[in-house]
Amino acid sequence: MKMKTKINLILWLALFVIVLASLAMVIIPVWLIQPFAPQTERGVAISFALKSWSPILSLVAAILALGIAFWLWRNSRRWWSKAFTIAPLVVVLVCVWFARQNHFEWMFNPLAESAYAKANQTDFVADDDMVLAIEINGEAVAYPVRLMAYHHLVEDTVGGAPVTATY
């Protein structure tokens, strides 16, 4: 086997490893922190560490991937071989973008334009439902936990004061 062929094979392997590492940096936190799934202290710690380091590590991965792809592109003679160098770059660049996003905000966003009703005017809150209750300046509100299950946040004004109820 020629030396150039061995180098190309090693670089293709390195590019594959970079793509896998980039994907792992963004997929693992999403997998570990899922709404309604049980979470462990270790899982949250791993997710936090990956979210903290993924912006810089994904950028380093992208620079390495660009360098390797440039080398492979210049040393490829066939069009399909050159085309295959583009796909890993796209994956790595998408990971660079995603590493800078806060997907937790996508999963746990506040209710937009929520509407409230007085307790005696509702038929969807049972007497035994758990609620988050707030009383400020004589005004009392209760937010049914069952209805907050997806968004986890409610922004409201109670007794003239802005509040954010969360669980």
C-alpha atoms as a PDB file:
ATOM      1  CA  MET A   1       0.000   0.000   0.000  1.00  0.00           C
ATOM      2  CA  LYS A   2       1.343   3.427  -0.909  1.00  0.00           C
ATOM      3  CA  MET A   3       2.179   5.929   1.797  1.00  0.00           C
ATOM      4  CA  LYS A   4      -0.347   8.438   0.405  1.00  0.00           C
ATOM      5  CA  THR A   5      -3.096   5.814   0.508  1.00  0.00           C
ATOM      6  CA  LYS A   6      -2.264   4.976   4.138  1.00  0.00           C
ATOM      7  CA  ILE A   7      -2.364   8.657   5.071  1.00  0.00           C
ATOM      8  CA  ASN A   8      -5.729   9.073   3.336  1.00  0.00           C
ATOM      9  CA  LEU A   9      -7.118   6.036   5.152  1.00  0.00           C
ATOM     10  CA  ILE A  10      -5.927   7.383   8.526  1.00  0.00           C
ATOM     11  CA  LEU A  11      -7.410  10.797   7.738  1.00  0.00           C
ATOM     12  CA  TRP A  12     -10.761   9.272   6.755  1.00  0.00           C
ATOM     13  CA  LEU A  13     -10.769   7.379  10.040  1.00  0.00           C
ATOM     14  CA  ALA A  14      -9.884  10.566  11.940  1.00  0.00           C
ATOM     15  CA  LEU A  15     -12.682  12.440  10.166  1.00  0.00           C
ATOM     16  CA  PHE A  16     -15.122   9.678  11.104  1.00  0.00           C
ATOM     17  CA  VAL A  17     -14.041   9.879  14.765  1.00  0.00           C
ATOM     18  CA  ILE A  18     -14.409  13.677  14.724  1.00  0.00           C
ATOM     19  CA  VAL A  19     -17.942  13.365  13.353  1.00  0.00           C
ATOM     20  CA  LEU A  20     -18.864  10.814  16.033  1.00  0.00           C
ATOM     21  CA  ALA A  21     -17.370  12.978  18.802  1.00  0.00           C
ATOM     22  CA  SER A  22     -19.211  16.058  17.520  1.00  0.00           C
ATOM     23  CA  LEU A  23     -22.493  14.190  17.423  1.00  0.00           C
ATOM     24  CA  ALA A  24     -21.916  12.791  20.918  1.00  0.00           C
ATOM     25  CA  MET A  25     -21.300  16.287  22.307  1.00  0.00           C
ATOM     26  CA  VAL A  26     -24.743  17.455  21.250  1.00  0.00           C
ATOM     27  CA  ILE A  27     -26.828  14.268  21.383  1.00  0.00           C
ATOM     28  CA  ILE A  28     -25.837  13.046  24.856  1.00  0.00           C
ATOM     29  CA  PRO A  29     -27.154  16.149  26.726  1.00  0.00           C
ATOM     30  CA  VAL A  30     -30.396  15.995  24.740  1.00  0.00           C
ATOM     31  CA  TRP A  31     -30.760  12.304  25.543  1.00  0.00           C
ATOM     32  CA  LEU A  32     -29.959  12.672  29.238  1.00  0.00           C
ATOM     33  CA  ILE A  33     -32.233  15.673  29.901  1.00  0.00           C
ATOM     34  CA  GLN A  34     -35.571  14.662  28.450  1.00  0.00           C
ATOM     35  CA  PRO A  35     -38.889  16.030  29.651  1.00  0.00           C
ATOM     36  CA  PHE A  36     -40.835  13.508  31.737  1.00  0.00           C
ATOM     37  CA  ALA A  37     -37.904  11.059  31.894  1.00  0.00           C
ATOM     38  CA  PRO A  38     -36.188  10.215  35.162  1.00  0.00           C
ATOM     39  CA  GLN A  39     -32.852  11.970  35.582  1.00  0.00           C
ATOM     40  CA  THR A  40     -29.912  11.042  37.743  1.00  0.00           C
ATOM     41  CA  GLU A  41     -27.406  13.322  39.418  1.00  0.00           C
ATOM     42  CA  ARG A  42     -24.652  11.802  37.269  1.00  0.00           C
ATOM     43  CA  GLY A  43     -26.665  12.293  34.075  1.00  0.00           C
ATOM     44  CA  VAL A  44     -27.301  15.947  34.872  1.00  0.00           C
ATOM     45  CA  ALA A  45     -23.588  16.446  35.680  1.00  0.00           C
ATOM     46  CA  ILE A  46     -22.527  14.825  32.392  1.00  0.00           C
ATOM     47  CA  SER A  47     -25.067  16.875  30.464  1.00  0.00           C
ATOM     48  CA  PHE A  48     -23.913  20.097  32.124  1.00  0.00           C
ATOM     49  CA  ALA A  49     -20.241  19.318  31.442  1.00  0.00           C
ATOM     50  CA  LEU A  50     -20.912  18.556  27.782  1.00  0.00           C
ATOM     51  CA  LYS A  51     -23.066  21.675  27.352  1.00  0.00           C
ATOM     52  CA  SER A  52     -20.311  23.743  28.986  1.00  0.00           C
ATOM     53  CA  TRP A  53     -17.468  22.384  26.866  1.00  0.00           C
ATOM     54  CA  SER A  54     -19.251  21.652  23.585  1.00  0.00           C
ATOM     55  CA  PRO A  55     -19.028  25.198  22.141  1.00  0.00           C
ATOM     56  CA  ILE A  56     -15.208  25.226  22.228  1.00  0.00           C
ATOM     57  CA  LEU A  57     -14.728  21.507  21.548  1.00  0.00           C
ATOM     58  CA  SER A  58     -17.086  21.576  18.570  1.00  0.00           C
ATOM     59  CA  LEU A  59     -15.178  24.542  17.145  1.00  0.00           C
ATOM     60  CA  VAL A  60     -11.878  22.651  17.528  1.00  0.00           C
ATOM     61  CA  ALA A  61     -13.515  19.609  15.898  1.00  0.00           C
ATOM     62  CA  ALA A  62     -14.717  21.776  13.001  1.00  0.00           C
ATOM     63  CA  ILE A  63     -11.248  23.241  12.427  1.00  0.00           C
ATOM     64  CA  LEU A  64      -9.699  19.761  12.435  1.00  0.00           C
ATOM     65  CA  ALA A  65     -12.432  18.435  10.152  1.00  0.00           C
ATOM     66  CA  LEU A  66     -11.947  21.335   7.722  1.00  0.00           C
ATOM     67  CA  GLY A  67      -8.199  20.689   7.611  1.00  0.00           C
ATOM     68  CA  ILE A  68      -8.645  16.989   7.038  1.00  0.00           C
ATOM     69  CA  ALA A  69     -11.355  17.532   4.429  1.00  0.00           C
ATOM     70  CA  PHE A  70      -9.142  20.027   2.602  1.00  0.00           C
ATOM     71  CA  TRP A  71      -6.320  17.473   2.507  1.00  0.00           C
ATOM     72  CA  LEU A  72      -8.638  14.698   1.313  1.00  0.00           C
ATOM     73  CA  TRP A  73     -10.247  16.968  -1.291  1.00  0.00           C
ATOM     74  CA  ARG A  74      -6.909  17.970  -2.791  1.00  0.00           C
ATOM     75  CA  ASN A  75      -5.707  14.377  -2.883  1.00  0.00           C
ATOM     76  CA  SER A  76      -8.880  12.885  -4.358  1.00  0.00           C
ATOM     77  CA  ARG A  77      -9.145  12.327  -8.075  1.00  0.00           C
ATOM     78  CA  ARG A  78     -12.695  11.046  -8.325  1.00  0.00           C
ATOM     79  CA  TRP A  79     -15.698  13.343  -7.999  1.00  0.00           C
ATOM     80  CA  TRP A  80     -17.563  10.982  -5.688  1.00  0.00           C
ATOM     81  CA  SER A  81     -14.600  10.865  -3.321  1.00  0.00           C
ATOM     82  CA  LYS A  82     -14.598  14.653  -3.182  1.00  0.00           C
ATOM     83  CA  ALA A  83     -18.346  14.662  -2.605  1.00  0.00           C
ATOM     84  CA  PHE A  84     -17.942  12.338   0.383  1.00  0.00           C
ATOM     85  CA  THR A  85     -15.683  14.886   2.073  1.00  0.00           C
ATOM     86  CA  ILE A  86     -18.563  17.378   2.155  1.00  0.00           C
ATOM     87  CA  ALA A  87     -21.047  15.224   4.129  1.00  0.00           C
ATOM     88  CA  PRO A  88     -18.916  14.906   7.295  1.00  0.00           C
ATOM     89  CA  LEU A  89     -18.244  18.648   7.210  1.00  0.00           C
ATOM     90  CA  VAL A  90     -21.956  19.400   7.093  1.00  0.00           C
ATOM     91  CA  VAL A  91     -22.568  17.148  10.106  1.00  0.00           C
ATOM     92  CA  VAL A  92     -19.740  18.750  12.090  1.00  0.00           C
ATOM     93  CA  LEU A  93     -20.873  22.285  11.219  1.00  0.00           C
ATOM     94  CA  VAL A  94     -24.455  21.486  12.273  1.00  0.00           C
ATOM     95  CA  CYS A  95     -23.019  20.226  15.571  1.00  0.00           C
ATOM     96  CA  VAL A  96     -21.060  23.489  15.955  1.00  0.00           C
ATOM     97  CA  TRP A  97     -24.307  25.425  15.537  1.00  0.00           C
ATOM     98  CA  PHE A  98     -26.292  23.141  17.863  1.00  0.00           C
ATOM     99  CA  ALA A  99     -23.609  23.297  20.564  1.00  0.00           C
ATOM    100  CA  ARG A 100     -24.338  27.014  20.830  1.00  0.00           C
ATOM    101  CA  GLN A 101     -28.090  26.552  21.237  1.00  0.00           C
ATOM    102  CA  ASN A 102     -29.896  26.118  24.529  1.00  0.00           C
ATOM    103  CA  HIS A 103     -32.137  23.180  23.753  1.00  0.00           C
ATOM    104  CA  PHE A 104     -33.343  23.172  27.360  1.00  0.00           C
ATOM    105  CA  GLU A 105     -35.209  26.411  26.586  1.00  0.00           C
ATOM    106  CA  TRP A 106     -36.809  24.659  23.627  1.00  0.00           C
ATOM    107  CA  MET A 107     -38.057  21.883  25.905  1.00  0.00           C
ATOM    108  CA  PHE A 108     -39.070  23.997  28.912  1.00  0.00           C
ATOM    109  CA  ASN A 109     -40.413  27.258  27.554  1.00  0.00           C
ATOM    110  CA  PRO A 110     -43.000  29.393  29.327  1.00  0.00           C
ATOM    111  CA  LEU A 111     -46.588  29.368  28.196  1.00  0.00           C
ATOM    112  CA  ALA A 112     -47.134  32.163  25.712  1.00  0.00           C
ATOM    113  CA  GLU A 113     -50.225  34.283  26.314  1.00  0.00           C
ATOM    114  CA  SER A 114     -51.640  32.041  29.016  1.00  0.00           C
ATOM    115  CA  ALA A 115     -55.151  32.745  30.230  1.00  0.00           C
ATOM    116  CA  TYR A 116     -56.492  32.151  33.730  1.00  0.00           C
ATOM    117  CA  ALA A 117     -59.893  31.630  35.272  1.00  0.00           C
ATOM    118  CA  LYS A 118     -61.238  31.872  38.804  1.00  0.00           C
ATOM    119  CA  ALA A 119     -61.322  28.519  40.599  1.00  0.00           C
ATOM    120  CA  ASN A 120     -65.115  28.589  40.990  1.00  0.00           C
ATOM    121  CA  GLN A 121     -65.478  29.103  37.219  1.00  0.00           C
ATOM    122  CA  THR A 122     -63.466  26.047  36.175  1.00  0.00           C
ATOM    123  CA  ASP A 123     -64.427  22.447  35.664  1.00  0.00           C
ATOM    124  CA  PHE A 124     -60.948  21.098  34.920  1.00  0.00           C
ATOM    125  CA  VAL A 125     -59.376  21.423  38.391  1.00  0.00           C
ATOM    126  CA  ALA A 126     -60.353  18.668  40.817  1.00  0.00           C
ATOM    127  CA  ASP A 127     -60.350  19.164  44.579  1.00  0.00           C
ATOM    128  CA  ASP A 128     -57.444  16.744  44.960  1.00  0.00           C
ATOM    129  CA  ASP A 129     -55.265  18.266  42.185  1.00  0.00           C
ATOM    130  CA  MET A 130     -51.861  19.529  43.277  1.00  0.00           C
ATOM    131  CA  VAL A 131     -51.446  23.241  42.639  1.00  0.00           C
ATOM    132  CA  LEU A 132     -48.777  25.879  43.023  1.00  0.00           C
ATOM    133  CA  ALA A 133     -50.429  28.668  44.983  1.00  0.00           C
ATOM    134  CA  ILE A 134     -49.320  32.284  45.371  1.00  0.00           C
ATOM    135  CA  GLU A 135     -50.865  35.101  47.377  1.00  0.00           C
ATOM    136  CA  ILE A 136     -49.545  38.656  47.042  1.00  0.00           C
ATOM    137  CA  ASN A 137     -51.297  41.821  48.264  1.00  0.00           C
ATOM    138  CA  GLY A 138     -54.558  39.960  48.833  1.00  0.00           C
ATOM    139  CA  GLU A 139     -54.683  38.419  45.348  1.00  0.00           C
ATOM    140  CA  ALA A 140     -54.389  34.623  45.260  1.00  0.00           C
ATOM    141  CA  VAL A 141     -53.775  32.351  42.275  1.00  0.00           C
ATOM    142  CA  ALA A 142     -53.227  28.629  41.870  1.00  0.00           C
ATOM    143  CA  TYR A 143     -51.555  26.871  38.958  1.00  0.00           C
ATOM    144  CA  PRO A 144     -52.470  23.187  38.521  1.00  0.00           C
ATOM    145  CA  VAL A 145     -49.267  21.145  38.345  1.00  0.00           C
ATOM    146  CA  ARG A 146     -50.940  18.712  35.960  1.00  0.00           C
ATOM    147  CA  LEU A 147     -51.430  21.531  33.458  1.00  0.00           C
ATOM    148  CA  MET A 148     -47.894  22.864  33.919  1.00  0.00           C
ATOM    149  CA  ALA A 149     -46.315  19.471  33.222  1.00  0.00           C
ATOM    150  CA  TYR A 150     -44.969  20.348  29.791  1.00  0.00           C
ATOM    151  CA  HIS A 151     -43.928  23.975  30.100  1.00  0.00           C
ATOM    152  CA  HIS A 152     -42.858  23.991  33.762  1.00  0.00           C
ATOM    153  CA  LEU A 153     -43.089  27.802  33.797  1.00  0.00           C
ATOM    154  CA  VAL A 154     -45.905  30.298  34.069  1.00  0.00           C
ATOM    155  CA  GLU A 155     -45.252  34.025  33.924  1.00  0.00           C
ATOM    156  CA  ASP A 156     -48.004  36.079  35.533  1.00  0.00           C
ATOM    157  CA  THR A 157     -48.760  39.212  37.549  1.00  0.00           C
ATOM    158  CA  VAL A 158     -50.198  38.611  41.001  1.00  0.00           C
ATOM    159  CA  GLY A 159     -51.169  41.474  43.299  1.00  0.00           C
ATOM    160  CA  GLY A 160     -49.379  43.884  40.965  1.00  0.00           C
ATOM    161  CA  ALA A 161     -46.063  41.988  41.145  1.00  0.00           C
ATOM    162  CA  PRO A 162     -44.596  39.997  38.245  1.00  0.00           C
ATOM    163  CA  VAL A 163     -44.049  36.334  39.195  1.00  0.00           C
ATOM    164  CA  THR A 164     -42.709  33.211  37.559  1.00  0.00           C
ATOM    165  CA  ALA A 165     -44.197  30.004  38.900  1.00  0.00           C
ATOM    166  CA  THR A 166     -42.177  26.886  38.187  1.00  0.00           C
ATOM    167  CA  TYR A 167     -41.850  23.331  39.323  1.00  0.00           C
END
